Amino acid sequence: MKTKIYESFILNTVDRVNTFVSVNSASSCFVDVFRDRYQVDGKSIMGVFSLEVSRPVKVAIRGTEEEIAALDSKYKEVGLI
């Protein structure tokens, strides 16, 4: 299992958070979102909204190389990165 980390992921609008959670939910990767000392599941809309997302967050994705590449590609496709 591999891990990819995005140090500065922008989720500053409701639409971006909804898209982010939707894309993650369709993936088999584990996605964790970090803000300061808090960590939440990137597939949980309530969890992500509980963070202060007005500033960039850190995102860690765990899965196989193929799963991570597919999720990364989907982020690009929908304009998250």
N, C-alpha and C. Protein backbone atom coordinates (compact mmCIF):
# COMPACT_ATOMS: atom_id res chain seq x y z
N MET A 1 0.85 -1.18 0.00
CA MET A 1 0.00 0.00 0.00
C MET A 1 0.89 1.24 0.00
N LYS A 2 0.56 2.18 -0.84
CA LYS A 2 1.32 3.42 -0.99
C LYS A 2 0.53 4.57 -0.38
N THR A 3 1.23 5.67 -0.13
CA THR A 3 0.59 6.89 0.38
C THR A 3 1.02 8.08 -0.46
N LYS A 4 0.07 8.92 -0.82
CA LYS A 4 0.36 10.18 -1.51
C LYS A 4 -0.19 11.29 -0.63
N ILE A 5 0.61 12.33 -0.45
CA ILE A 5 0.20 13.43 0.42
C ILE A 5 0.16 14.73 -0.37
N TYR A 6 -0.95 15.44 -0.23
CA TYR A 6 -1.08 16.79 -0.76
C TYR A 6 -0.95 17.73 0.43
N GLU A 7 0.07 18.55 0.44
CA GLU A 7 0.33 19.43 1.58
C GLU A 7 -0.61 20.63 1.64
N SER A 8 -1.14 21.04 0.49
CA SER A 8 -1.95 22.26 0.45
C SER A 8 -3.13 22.07 -0.50
N PHE A 9 -4.17 21.45 -0.02
CA PHE A 9 -5.36 21.15 -0.81
C PHE A 9 -6.42 22.20 -0.50
N ILE A 10 -6.98 22.83 -1.53
CA ILE A 10 -7.94 23.92 -1.35
C ILE A 10 -9.37 23.38 -1.40
N LEU A 11 -10.10 23.55 -0.30
CA LEU A 11 -11.51 23.13 -0.20
C LEU A 11 -12.32 24.30 0.36
N ASN A 12 -12.17 25.47 -0.22
CA ASN A 12 -12.72 26.70 0.37
C ASN A 12 -14.15 27.04 -0.02
N THR A 13 -14.83 26.17 -0.75
CA THR A 13 -16.24 26.42 -1.07
C THR A 13 -17.05 25.16 -0.82
N VAL A 14 -18.34 25.34 -0.66
CA VAL A 14 -19.24 24.20 -0.44
C VAL A 14 -19.18 23.25 -1.64
N ASP A 15 -19.16 23.81 -2.86
CA ASP A 15 -19.10 22.97 -4.06
C ASP A 15 -17.83 22.14 -4.11
N ARG A 16 -16.70 22.74 -3.75
CA ARG A 16 -15.42 22.00 -3.76
C ARG A 16 -15.45 20.87 -2.72
N VAL A 17 -16.00 21.13 -1.55
CA VAL A 17 -16.09 20.09 -0.52
C VAL A 17 -17.01 18.97 -1.00
N ASN A 18 -18.16 19.31 -1.56
CA ASN A 18 -19.09 18.29 -2.06
C ASN A 18 -18.45 17.44 -3.15
N THR A 19 -17.76 18.08 -4.08
CA THR A 19 -17.09 17.37 -5.16
C THR A 19 -16.00 16.46 -4.60
N PHE A 20 -15.20 16.99 -3.69
CA PHE A 20 -14.12 16.23 -3.06
C PHE A 20 -14.65 14.97 -2.38
N VAL A 21 -15.67 15.10 -1.57
CA VAL A 21 -16.23 13.96 -0.85
C VAL A 21 -16.87 12.97 -1.83
N SER A 22 -17.53 13.46 -2.84
CA SER A 22 -18.16 12.59 -3.83
C SER A 22 -17.12 11.76 -4.59
N VAL A 23 -16.05 12.40 -5.01
CA VAL A 23 -14.97 11.70 -5.73
C VAL A 23 -14.32 10.66 -4.81
N ASN A 24 -14.07 11.05 -3.57
CA ASN A 24 -13.44 10.12 -2.61
C ASN A 24 -14.34 8.92 -2.33
N SER A 25 -15.63 9.16 -2.21
CA SER A 25 -16.57 8.09 -1.89
C SER A 25 -16.65 7.04 -3.00
N ALA A 26 -16.38 7.46 -4.22
CA ALA A 26 -16.41 6.53 -5.35
C ALA A 26 -15.09 5.76 -5.48
N SER A 27 -14.11 6.11 -4.68
CA SER A 27 -12.79 5.47 -4.75
C SER A 27 -12.64 4.42 -3.65
N SER A 28 -11.78 3.44 -3.90
CA SER A 28 -11.49 2.43 -2.88
C SER A 28 -10.29 2.83 -2.01
N CYS A 29 -9.71 3.99 -2.27
CA CYS A 29 -8.59 4.48 -1.46
C CYS A 29 -9.08 4.96 -0.10
N PHE A 30 -8.17 4.96 0.86
CA PHE A 30 -8.42 5.59 2.15
C PHE A 30 -7.99 7.05 2.02
N VAL A 31 -8.83 7.98 2.42
CA VAL A 31 -8.51 9.41 2.30
C VAL A 31 -8.68 10.05 3.67
N ASP A 32 -7.62 10.67 4.15
CA ASP A 32 -7.65 11.38 5.42
C ASP A 32 -7.37 12.85 5.17
N VAL A 33 -8.09 13.70 5.87
CA VAL A 33 -7.92 15.15 5.74
C VAL A 33 -7.46 15.69 7.09
N PHE A 34 -6.43 16.52 7.08
CA PHE A 34 -5.84 17.07 8.30
C PHE A 34 -5.92 18.59 8.30
N ARG A 35 -6.30 19.14 9.43
CA ARG A 35 -6.26 20.59 9.64
C ARG A 35 -5.79 20.78 11.07
N ASP A 36 -4.64 21.41 11.22
CA ASP A 36 -4.02 21.59 12.53
C ASP A 36 -3.88 20.22 13.21
N ARG A 37 -4.49 20.01 14.36
CA ARG A 37 -4.33 18.73 15.06
C ARG A 37 -5.50 17.76 14.81
N TYR A 38 -6.40 18.12 13.93
CA TYR A 38 -7.58 17.30 13.66
C TYR A 38 -7.40 16.47 12.39
N GLN A 39 -7.95 15.27 12.42
CA GLN A 39 -7.92 14.36 11.28
C GLN A 39 -9.33 13.81 11.08
N VAL A 40 -9.83 13.85 9.83
CA VAL A 40 -11.15 13.30 9.53
C VAL A 40 -11.09 12.44 8.28
N ASP A 41 -12.09 11.62 8.11
CA ASP A 41 -12.22 10.77 6.93
C ASP A 41 -12.63 11.64 5.74
N GLY A 42 -11.87 11.55 4.65
CA GLY A 42 -12.15 12.33 3.46
C GLY A 42 -13.39 11.90 2.71
N LYS A 43 -14.05 10.83 3.16
CA LYS A 43 -15.29 10.37 2.56
C LYS A 43 -16.50 10.81 3.37
N SER A 44 -16.25 11.57 4.44
CA SER A 44 -17.32 12.01 5.33
C SER A 44 -17.60 13.51 5.12
N ILE A 45 -18.76 13.82 4.59
CA ILE A 45 -19.12 15.22 4.36
C ILE A 45 -19.16 16.00 5.67
N MET A 46 -19.71 15.38 6.70
CA MET A 46 -19.77 16.05 8.01
C MET A 46 -18.38 16.25 8.59
N GLY A 47 -17.52 15.24 8.42
CA GLY A 47 -16.16 15.35 8.92
C GLY A 47 -15.39 16.47 8.26
N VAL A 48 -15.46 16.54 6.93
CA VAL A 48 -14.73 17.58 6.20
C VAL A 48 -15.28 18.96 6.54
N PHE A 49 -16.60 19.09 6.63
CA PHE A 49 -17.17 20.39 6.98
C PHE A 49 -16.87 20.79 8.43
N SER A 50 -16.51 19.83 9.28
CA SER A 50 -16.19 20.18 10.66
C SER A 50 -14.82 20.84 10.78
N LEU A 51 -14.01 20.73 9.74
CA LEU A 51 -12.70 21.38 9.73
C LEU A 51 -12.82 22.81 9.26
N GLU A 52 -11.84 23.61 9.60
CA GLU A 52 -11.78 24.97 9.06
C GLU A 52 -11.19 24.88 7.66
N VAL A 53 -12.04 24.86 6.65
CA VAL A 53 -11.57 24.68 5.27
C VAL A 53 -11.39 26.00 4.53
N SER A 54 -11.47 27.11 5.24
CA SER A 54 -11.21 28.40 4.59
C SER A 54 -9.72 28.54 4.25
N ARG A 55 -8.90 27.73 4.90
CA ARG A 55 -7.46 27.68 4.60
C ARG A 55 -7.15 26.29 4.03
N PRO A 56 -6.04 26.16 3.31
CA PRO A 56 -5.70 24.85 2.74
C PRO A 56 -5.58 23.77 3.82
N VAL A 57 -5.92 22.55 3.43
CA VAL A 57 -5.82 21.39 4.32
C VAL A 57 -4.79 20.42 3.74
N LYS A 58 -4.36 19.49 4.56
CA LYS A 58 -3.46 18.43 4.12
C LYS A 58 -4.30 17.19 3.86
N VAL A 59 -4.04 16.51 2.74
CA VAL A 59 -4.80 15.32 2.37
C VAL A 59 -3.83 14.16 2.15
N ALA A 60 -4.10 13.03 2.78
CA ALA A 60 -3.30 11.81 2.60
C ALA A 60 -4.19 10.74 1.98
N ILE A 61 -3.70 10.15 0.90
CA ILE A 61 -4.42 9.09 0.19
C ILE A 61 -3.60 7.80 0.31
N ARG A 62 -4.26 6.73 0.72
CA ARG A 62 -3.59 5.43 0.83
C ARG A 62 -4.31 4.42 -0.05
N GLY A 63 -3.53 3.70 -0.84
CA GLY A 63 -4.07 2.66 -1.71
C GLY A 63 -2.98 2.11 -2.59
N THR A 64 -3.35 1.33 -3.58
CA THR A 64 -2.36 0.83 -4.53
C THR A 64 -1.96 1.97 -5.46
N GLU A 65 -0.87 1.78 -6.17
CA GLU A 65 -0.42 2.82 -7.11
C GLU A 65 -1.51 3.13 -8.13
N GLU A 66 -2.18 2.10 -8.60
CA GLU A 66 -3.23 2.29 -9.62
C GLU A 66 -4.42 3.05 -9.05
N GLU A 67 -4.82 2.71 -7.82
CA GLU A 67 -5.95 3.39 -7.19
C GLU A 67 -5.62 4.87 -6.94
N ILE A 68 -4.42 5.13 -6.48
CA ILE A 68 -4.00 6.51 -6.22
C ILE A 68 -3.94 7.30 -7.53
N ALA A 69 -3.40 6.69 -8.57
CA ALA A 69 -3.32 7.36 -9.88
C ALA A 69 -4.71 7.67 -10.42
N ALA A 70 -5.65 6.74 -10.24
CA ALA A 70 -7.02 6.96 -10.71
C ALA A 70 -7.68 8.10 -9.94
N LEU A 71 -7.48 8.14 -8.62
CA LEU A 71 -8.07 9.21 -7.82
C LEU A 71 -7.43 10.55 -8.15
N ASP A 72 -6.13 10.56 -8.32
CA ASP A 72 -5.41 11.78 -8.70
C ASP A 72 -5.93 12.30 -10.04
N SER A 73 -6.14 11.40 -10.97
CA SER A 73 -6.67 11.76 -12.29
C SER A 73 -8.08 12.35 -12.17
N LYS A 74 -8.88 11.76 -11.31
CA LYS A 74 -10.26 12.26 -11.10
C LYS A 74 -10.24 13.65 -10.47
N TYR A 75 -9.33 13.88 -9.49
CA TYR A 75 -9.18 15.22 -8.91
C TYR A 75 -8.89 16.24 -10.00
N LYS A 76 -7.99 15.89 -10.91
CA LYS A 76 -7.63 16.80 -12.02
C LYS A 76 -8.82 17.01 -12.95
N GLU A 77 -9.52 15.93 -13.25
CA GLU A 77 -10.67 15.99 -14.16
C GLU A 77 -11.76 16.94 -13.66
N VAL A 78 -12.01 16.93 -12.36
CA VAL A 78 -13.08 17.76 -11.81
C VAL A 78 -12.57 19.13 -11.31
N GLY A 79 -11.28 19.38 -11.48
CA GLY A 79 -10.72 20.70 -11.17
C GLY A 79 -10.36 20.93 -9.72
N LEU A 80 -10.14 19.85 -8.96
CA LEU A 80 -9.74 20.03 -7.55
C LEU A 80 -8.25 20.31 -7.42
N ILE A 81 -7.46 19.80 -8.37
CA ILE A 81 -6.01 20.10 -8.36
C ILE A 81 -5.58 20.55 -9.73
